[in-house]
C-alpha atoms as a PDB file:
ATOM      1  CA  MET A   1    -153.127-102.055  62.928  1.00  0.00           C
ATOM      2  CA  PHE A   2    -150.462 -99.786  61.508  1.00  0.00           C
ATOM      3  CA  GLU A   3    -150.177 -99.975  57.742  1.00  0.00           C
ATOM      4  CA  ASN A   4    -147.200 -97.637  57.432  1.00  0.00           C
ATOM      5  CA  GLN A   5    -144.897 -99.503  59.779  1.00  0.00           C
ATOM      6  CA  GLN A   6    -143.887-103.132  60.130  1.00  0.00           C
ATOM      7  CA  PRO A   7    -144.036-104.549  63.656  1.00  0.00           C
ATOM      8  CA  LEU A   8    -140.757-105.602  65.252  1.00  0.00           C
ATOM      9  CA  GLN A   9    -142.497-108.681  66.628  1.00  0.00           C
ATOM     10  CA  THR A  10    -145.988-110.146  66.405  1.00  0.00           C
ATOM     11  CA  ILE A  11    -147.391-112.777  68.732  1.00  0.00           C
ATOM     12  CA  GLU A  12    -150.740-114.487  68.948  1.00  0.00           C
ATOM     13  CA  TYR A  13    -151.750-116.639  71.891  1.00  0.00           C
ATOM     14  CA  THR A  14    -154.409-117.513  74.463  1.00  0.00           C
ATOM     15  CA  ILE A  15    -154.265-117.442  78.251  1.00  0.00           C
ATOM     16  CA  THR A  16    -155.520-120.472  80.141  1.00  0.00           C
ATOM     17  CA  LEU A  17    -157.104-120.287  83.577  1.00  0.00           C
ATOM     18  CA  ASP A  18    -154.038-122.009  85.066  1.00  0.00           C
ATOM     19  CA  GLN A  19    -151.748-119.386  83.533  1.00  0.00           C
ATOM     20  CA  PHE A  20    -153.933-116.574  84.866  1.00  0.00           C
ATOM     21  CA  LEU A  21    -153.921-118.190  88.314  1.00  0.00           C
ATOM     22  CA  ASP A  22    -150.128-118.502  88.096  1.00  0.00           C
ATOM     23  CA  PHE A  23    -149.926-114.776  87.361  1.00  0.00           C
ATOM     24  CA  ASN A  24    -152.146-113.910  90.332  1.00  0.00           C
ATOM     25  CA  ARG A  25    -150.130-116.130  92.659  1.00  0.00           C
ATOM     26  CA  SER A  26    -146.837-114.562  91.546  1.00  0.00           C
ATOM     27  CA  VAL A  27    -148.169-111.042  92.116  1.00  0.00           C
ATOM     28  CA  ALA A  28    -149.561-112.043  95.519  1.00  0.00           C
ATOM     29  CA  GLU A  29    -146.300-113.705  96.540  1.00  0.00           C
ATOM     30  CA  GLU A  30    -144.362-110.605  95.611  1.00  0.00           C
ATOM     31  CA  ASN A  31    -146.778-108.106  97.177  1.00  0.00           C
ATOM     32  CA  TYR A  32    -147.794-109.937 100.346  1.00  0.00           C
ATOM     33  CA  HIS A  33    -144.517-111.496 101.461  1.00  0.00           C
ATOM     34  CA  THR A  34    -143.942-108.867 104.180  1.00  0.00           C
ATOM     35  CA  GLN A  35    -147.573-108.931 105.328  1.00  0.00           C
ATOM     36  CA  ARG A  36    -147.483-112.713 105.539  1.00  0.00           C
ATOM     37  CA  ARG A  37    -144.422-112.608 107.800  1.00  0.00           C
ATOM     38  CA  LYS A  38    -145.968-109.885 109.966  1.00  0.00           C
ATOM     39  CA  SER A  39    -149.219-111.854 110.251  1.00  0.00           C
ATOM     40  CA  MET A  40    -147.297-114.975 111.251  1.00  0.00           C
ATOM     41  CA  VAL A  41    -145.303-113.157 113.951  1.00  0.00           C
ATOM     42  CA  MET A  42    -148.398-111.450 115.352  1.00  0.00           C
ATOM     43  CA  GLY A  43    -150.277-114.754 115.333  1.00  0.00           C
ATOM     44  CA  VAL A  44    -147.539-116.522 117.282  1.00  0.00           C
ATOM     45  CA  ILE A  45    -147.456-113.649 119.807  1.00  0.00           C
ATOM     46  CA  GLU A  46    -151.254-113.829 120.216  1.00  0.00           C
ATOM     47  CA  ILE A  47    -151.119-117.592 120.749  1.00  0.00           C
ATOM     48  CA  CYS A  48    -148.341-117.270 123.346  1.00  0.00           C
ATOM     49  CA  VAL A  49    -150.068-114.421 125.207  1.00  0.00           C
ATOM     50  CA  GLY A  50    -153.398-116.291 125.152  1.00  0.00           C
ATOM     51  CA  ALA A  51    -151.799-119.499 126.418  1.00  0.00           C
ATOM     52  CA  LEU A  52    -149.913-117.616 129.145  1.00  0.00           C
ATOM     53  CA  PHE A  53    -153.095-115.770 130.116  1.00  0.00           C
ATOM     54  CA  ILE A  54    -155.008-119.057 130.425  1.00  0.00           C
ATOM     55  CA  ALA A  55    -152.159-120.724 132.374  1.00  0.00           C
ATOM     56  CA  VAL A  56    -152.031-117.866 134.902  1.00  0.00           C
ATOM     57  CA  LEU A  57    -155.816-117.814 135.058  1.00  0.00           C
ATOM     58  CA  LEU A  58    -155.955-121.552 135.840  1.00  0.00           C
ATOM     59  CA  THR A  59    -153.479-121.169 138.707  1.00  0.00           C
ATOM     60  CA  GLN A  60    -155.615-118.383 140.177  1.00  0.00           C
ATOM     61  CA  LYS A  61    -159.007-119.965 139.423  1.00  0.00           C
ATOM     62  CA  SER A  62    -160.429-119.666 142.918  1.00  0.00           C
ATOM     63  CA  LYS A  63    -159.485-115.971 143.214  1.00  0.00           C
ATOM     64  CA  VAL A  64    -160.832-114.822 139.847  1.00  0.00           C
ATOM     65  CA  GLU A  65    -164.307-113.408 139.530  1.00  0.00           C
ATOM     66  CA  TYR A  66    -165.798-114.009 136.046  1.00  0.00           C
ATOM     67  CA  PHE A  67    -163.396-116.900 135.500  1.00  0.00           C
ATOM     68  CA  ASN A  68    -165.348-118.293 132.503  1.00  0.00           C
ATOM     69  CA  LEU A  69    -165.381-114.898 130.774  1.00  0.00           C
ATOM     70  CA  PHE A  70    -161.603-114.530 131.142  1.00  0.00           C
ATOM     71  CA  LEU A  71    -161.086-118.113 130.015  1.00  0.00           C
ATOM     72  CA  LEU A  72    -163.169-117.374 126.913  1.00  0.00           C
ATOM     73  CA  MET A  73    -161.105-114.244 126.221  1.00  0.00           C
ATOM     74  CA  GLY A  74    -157.868-116.256 126.428  1.00  0.00           C
ATOM     75  CA  ALA A  75    -159.290-118.920 124.101  1.00  0.00           C
ATOM     76  CA  LEU A  76    -160.413-116.259 121.621  1.00  0.00           C
ATOM     77  CA  LEU A  77    -156.940-114.723 121.640  1.00  0.00           C
ATOM     78  CA  ILE A  78    -155.457-118.136 120.832  1.00  0.00           C
ATOM     79  CA  CYS A  79    -158.030-118.629 118.035  1.00  0.00           C
ATOM     80  CA  PHE A  80    -157.270-115.212 116.512  1.00  0.00           C
ATOM     81  CA  GLY A  81    -153.574-116.010 116.678  1.00  0.00           C
ATOM     82  CA  ALA A  82    -154.076-119.403 115.016  1.00  0.00           C
ATOM     83  CA  TYR A  83    -156.110-117.749 112.254  1.00  0.00           C
ATOM     84  CA  SER A  84    -153.322-115.212 111.686  1.00  0.00           C
ATOM     85  CA  VAL A  85    -150.765-118.020 111.465  1.00  0.00           C
ATOM     86  CA  ILE A  86    -152.741-120.077 108.934  1.00  0.00           C
ATOM     87  CA  PHE A  87    -154.340-117.232 106.927  1.00  0.00           C
ATOM     88  CA  TYR A  88    -151.629-116.773 104.263  1.00  0.00           C
ATOM     89  CA  LYS A  89    -150.879-120.475 104.136  1.00  0.00           C
ATOM     90  CA  PHE A  90    -154.406-121.851 103.684  1.00  0.00           C
ATOM     91  CA  VAL A  91    -157.175-119.205 103.583  1.00  0.00           C
ATOM     92  CA  PHE A  92    -155.624-116.539 101.334  1.00  0.00           C
ATOM     93  CA  PRO A  93    -154.648-118.938  98.494  1.00  0.00           C
ATOM     94  CA  LYS A  94    -158.225-120.258  98.306  1.00  0.00           C
ATOM     95  CA  GLN A  95    -159.656-116.734  98.278  1.00  0.00           C
ATOM     96  CA  LEU A  96    -157.158-115.677  95.610  1.00  0.00           C
ATOM     97  CA  THR A  97    -157.985-118.694  93.429  1.00  0.00           C
ATOM     98  CA  ALA A  98    -161.735-118.101  93.729  1.00  0.00           C
ATOM     99  CA  SER A  99    -161.416-114.387  92.955  1.00  0.00           C
ATOM    100  CA  ALA A 100    -159.053-114.885  89.995  1.00  0.00           C
ATOM    101  CA  THR A 101    -161.210-117.694  88.563  1.00  0.00           C
ATOM    102  CA  LYS A 102    -164.274-115.456  88.721  1.00  0.00           C
ATOM    103  CA  GLN A 103    -162.364-112.606  87.059  1.00  0.00           C
ATOM    104  CA  TYR A 104    -161.080-114.921  84.306  1.00  0.00           C
ATOM    105  CA  GLN A 105    -164.534-116.322  83.567  1.00  0.00           C
ATOM    106  CA  LYS A 106    -166.044-112.829  83.298  1.00  0.00           C
ATOM    107  CA  SER A 107    -163.324-111.507  80.967  1.00  0.00           C
ATOM    108  CA  GLU A 108    -163.807-111.906  77.237  1.00  0.00           C
ATOM    109  CA  TYR A 109    -160.309-110.468  76.793  1.00  0.00           C
ATOM    110  CA  LEU A 110    -158.587-113.113  78.934  1.00  0.00           C
ATOM    111  CA  ARG A 111    -160.487-116.030  77.394  1.00  0.00           C
ATOM    112  CA  GLY A 112    -160.100-114.800  73.814  1.00  0.00           C
ATOM    113  CA  ASN A 113    -157.352-115.107  71.242  1.00  0.00           C
ATOM    114  CA  ILE A 114    -154.865-112.297  71.914  1.00  0.00           C
ATOM    115  CA  LEU A 115    -152.804-110.581  69.222  1.00  0.00           C
ATOM    116  CA  VAL A 116    -149.949-108.277  70.235  1.00  0.00           C
ATOM    117  CA  GLU A 117    -147.750-106.344  67.813  1.00  0.00           C
ATOM    118  CA  PHE A 118    -144.619-104.622  69.077  1.00  0.00           C
ATOM    119  CA  TYR A 119    -143.367-101.471  67.345  1.00  0.00           C
ATOM    120  CA  ASN A 120    -140.444 -99.152  68.085  1.00  0.00           C
ATOM    121  CA  ASP A 121    -142.685 -96.564  69.736  1.00  0.00           C
ATOM    122  CA  ARG A 122    -145.768 -98.517  70.837  1.00  0.00           C
ATOM    123  CA  LEU A 123    -147.550-101.802  71.061  1.00  0.00           C
ATOM    124  CA  PHE A 124    -150.894-102.819  69.656  1.00  0.00           C
ATOM    125  CA  GLU A 125    -153.097-105.392  71.365  1.00  0.00           C
ATOM    126  CA  GLN A 126    -156.343-106.992  70.294  1.00  0.00           C
ATOM    127  CA  SER A 127    -158.633-109.609  71.786  1.00  0.00           C
ATOM    128  CA  GLY A 128    -162.208-110.084  70.663  1.00  0.00           C
ATOM    129  CA  THR A 129    -163.786-106.672  70.222  1.00  0.00           C
ATOM    130  CA  TYR A 130    -161.137-104.961  72.371  1.00  0.00           C
ATOM    131  CA  SER A 131    -158.110-103.293  70.794  1.00  0.00           C
ATOM    132  CA  ASP A 132    -155.709-100.619  71.954  1.00  0.00           C
ATOM    133  CA  SER A 133    -152.468 -98.955  70.993  1.00  0.00           C
ATOM    134  CA  ILE A 134    -150.145 -97.986  73.854  1.00  0.00           C
ATOM    135  CA  ASN A 135    -147.019 -95.845  73.574  1.00  0.00           C
ATOM    136  CA  TRP A 136    -143.970 -97.199  75.391  1.00  0.00           C
ATOM    137  CA  GLU A 137    -143.765 -93.975  77.425  1.00  0.00           C
ATOM    138  CA  ASP A 138    -147.180 -94.849  78.854  1.00  0.00           C
ATOM    139  CA  THR A 139    -146.074 -98.232  80.198  1.00  0.00           C
ATOM    140  CA  GLU A 140    -144.548 -99.122  83.559  1.00  0.00           C
ATOM    141  CA  GLY A 141    -141.960-101.571  82.214  1.00  0.00           C
ATOM    142  CA  PHE A 142    -141.527-105.313  81.917  1.00  0.00           C
ATOM    143  CA  ARG A 143    -141.671-108.229  84.329  1.00  0.00           C
ATOM    144  CA  GLU A 144    -140.555-111.803  83.825  1.00  0.00           C
ATOM    145  CA  THR A 145    -141.453-114.837  85.932  1.00  0.00           C
ATOM    146  CA  PRO A 146    -140.458-118.438  85.226  1.00  0.00           C
ATOM    147  CA  THR A 147    -143.713-118.924  83.284  1.00  0.00           C
ATOM    148  CA  LEU A 148    -144.725-115.460  82.047  1.00  0.00           C
ATOM    149  CA  LEU A 149    -143.504-112.365  80.273  1.00  0.00           C
ATOM    150  CA  GLN A 150    -145.461-109.242  81.184  1.00  0.00           C
ATOM    151  CA  VAL A 151    -145.767-105.734  79.847  1.00  0.00           C
ATOM    152  CA  MET A 152    -146.754-103.599  82.821  1.00  0.00           C
ATOM    153  CA  LEU A 153    -149.258-100.897  81.950  1.00  0.00           C
ATOM    154  CA  LYS A 154    -150.668 -98.018  83.979  1.00  0.00           C
ATOM    155  CA  ASP A 155    -153.540 -98.583  86.408  1.00  0.00           C
ATOM    156  CA  THR A 156    -152.142-101.948  87.591  1.00  0.00           C
ATOM    157  CA  ARG A 157    -153.031-103.588  84.281  1.00  0.00           C
ATOM    158  CA  CYS A 158    -150.598-105.712  82.323  1.00  0.00           C
ATOM    159  CA  ILE A 159    -150.346-107.769  79.186  1.00  0.00           C
ATOM    160  CA  LEU A 160    -149.645-111.390  80.093  1.00  0.00           C
ATOM    161  CA  ILE A 161    -147.632-113.503  77.699  1.00  0.00           C
ATOM    162  CA  PRO A 162    -147.393-117.154  78.774  1.00  0.00           C
ATOM    163  CA  LYS A 163    -143.997-118.497  77.710  1.00  0.00           C
ATOM    164  CA  THR A 164    -145.503-121.863  76.776  1.00  0.00           C
ATOM    165  CA  GLN A 165    -147.754-120.119  74.253  1.00  0.00           C
ATOM    166  CA  VAL A 166    -144.847-118.430  72.431  1.00  0.00           C
ATOM    167  CA  LEU A 167    -142.044-120.971  72.908  1.00  0.00           C
ATOM    168  CA  GLY A 168    -140.169-120.146  69.716  1.00  0.00           C
ATOM    169  CA  GLN A 169    -140.271-116.402  70.426  1.00  0.00           C
ATOM    170  CA  VAL A 170    -139.436-116.197  74.138  1.00  0.00           C
ATOM    171  CA  ASN A 171    -135.778-115.247  73.708  1.00  0.00           C
ATOM    172  CA  GLU A 172    -136.585-112.732  70.961  1.00  0.00           C
ATOM    173  CA  LEU A 173    -139.251-111.143  73.153  1.00  0.00           C
ATOM    174  CA  LYS A 174    -136.876-110.957  76.130  1.00  0.00           C
ATOM    175  CA  GLU A 175    -134.247-109.264  73.937  1.00  0.00           C
ATOM    176  CA  LEU A 176    -136.851-106.852  72.549  1.00  0.00           C
ATOM    177  CA  PHE A 177    -138.108-106.001  76.053  1.00  0.00           C
ATOM    178  CA  GLN A 178    -134.555-105.412  77.254  1.00  0.00           C
ATOM    179  CA  LYS A 179    -133.867-103.130  74.274  1.00  0.00           C
ATOM    180  CA  LEU A 180    -137.097-101.175  74.841  1.00  0.00           C
ATOM    181  CA  SER A 181    -136.318-101.018  78.539  1.00  0.00           C
ATOM    182  CA  ASP A 182    -132.975 -99.387  77.767  1.00  0.00           C
ATOM    183  CA  VAL A 183    -134.334 -96.996  75.126  1.00  0.00           C
ATOM    184  CA  TYR A 184    -137.339 -95.811  77.167  1.00  0.00           C
ATOM    185  CA  ASN A 185    -135.728 -96.113  80.604  1.00  0.00           C
ATOM    186  CA  LEU A 186    -138.292 -98.693  81.747  1.00  0.00           C
ATOM    187  CA  PRO A 187    -137.618-101.278  84.458  1.00  0.00           C
ATOM    188  CA  TYR A 188    -137.138-104.908  83.439  1.00  0.00           C
ATOM    189  CA  LYS A 189    -137.772-106.956  86.543  1.00  0.00           C
ATOM    190  CA  LYS A 190    -137.165-110.672  86.928  1.00  0.00           C
ATOM    191  CA  ALA A 191    -139.388-112.164  89.606  1.00  0.00           C
ATOM    192  CA  PRO A 192    -138.312-115.514  91.082  1.00  0.00           C
ATOM    193  CA  VAL A 193    -141.890-116.692  91.581  1.00  0.00           C
END
């Protein structure tokens, strides 16, 4: 901690598994929106082509050598298309939840009590045996979702601040982040998810 300077704001909180999952879902929604749409379109095209292929094949059944092989290929194309259509709706969320849960359970930092002090030129964070001081110039900015405030750090790391954990300080933190954003020319992004 910094004895010669008073922090502008100090917060202490914990992050629950649900809050960490919420964070992961919001990042995924923001980052994979375009890929999800592309996957859906490609899946529908594959299903249509596979169905058309099978329909034409069935009308020409007597003329086609290796009919069963071609029928299998058409069915596989439909299956691949169906998988592409349902992947981001059903498969990806389960994979994301499993991966994030595993990460949360392995992290002493995430499961511990987190202390963050905000200064004019830096922030200080501590959880368990981990502590670090980060200059504002070395951050990527701020991000706000309906449930979280985030300080974006380098190397895709960020400090998560669940709004429900700091209810009385949310507006003060938002004002502080906006001020720091202006002073250090850092982005302050509001994510709808």
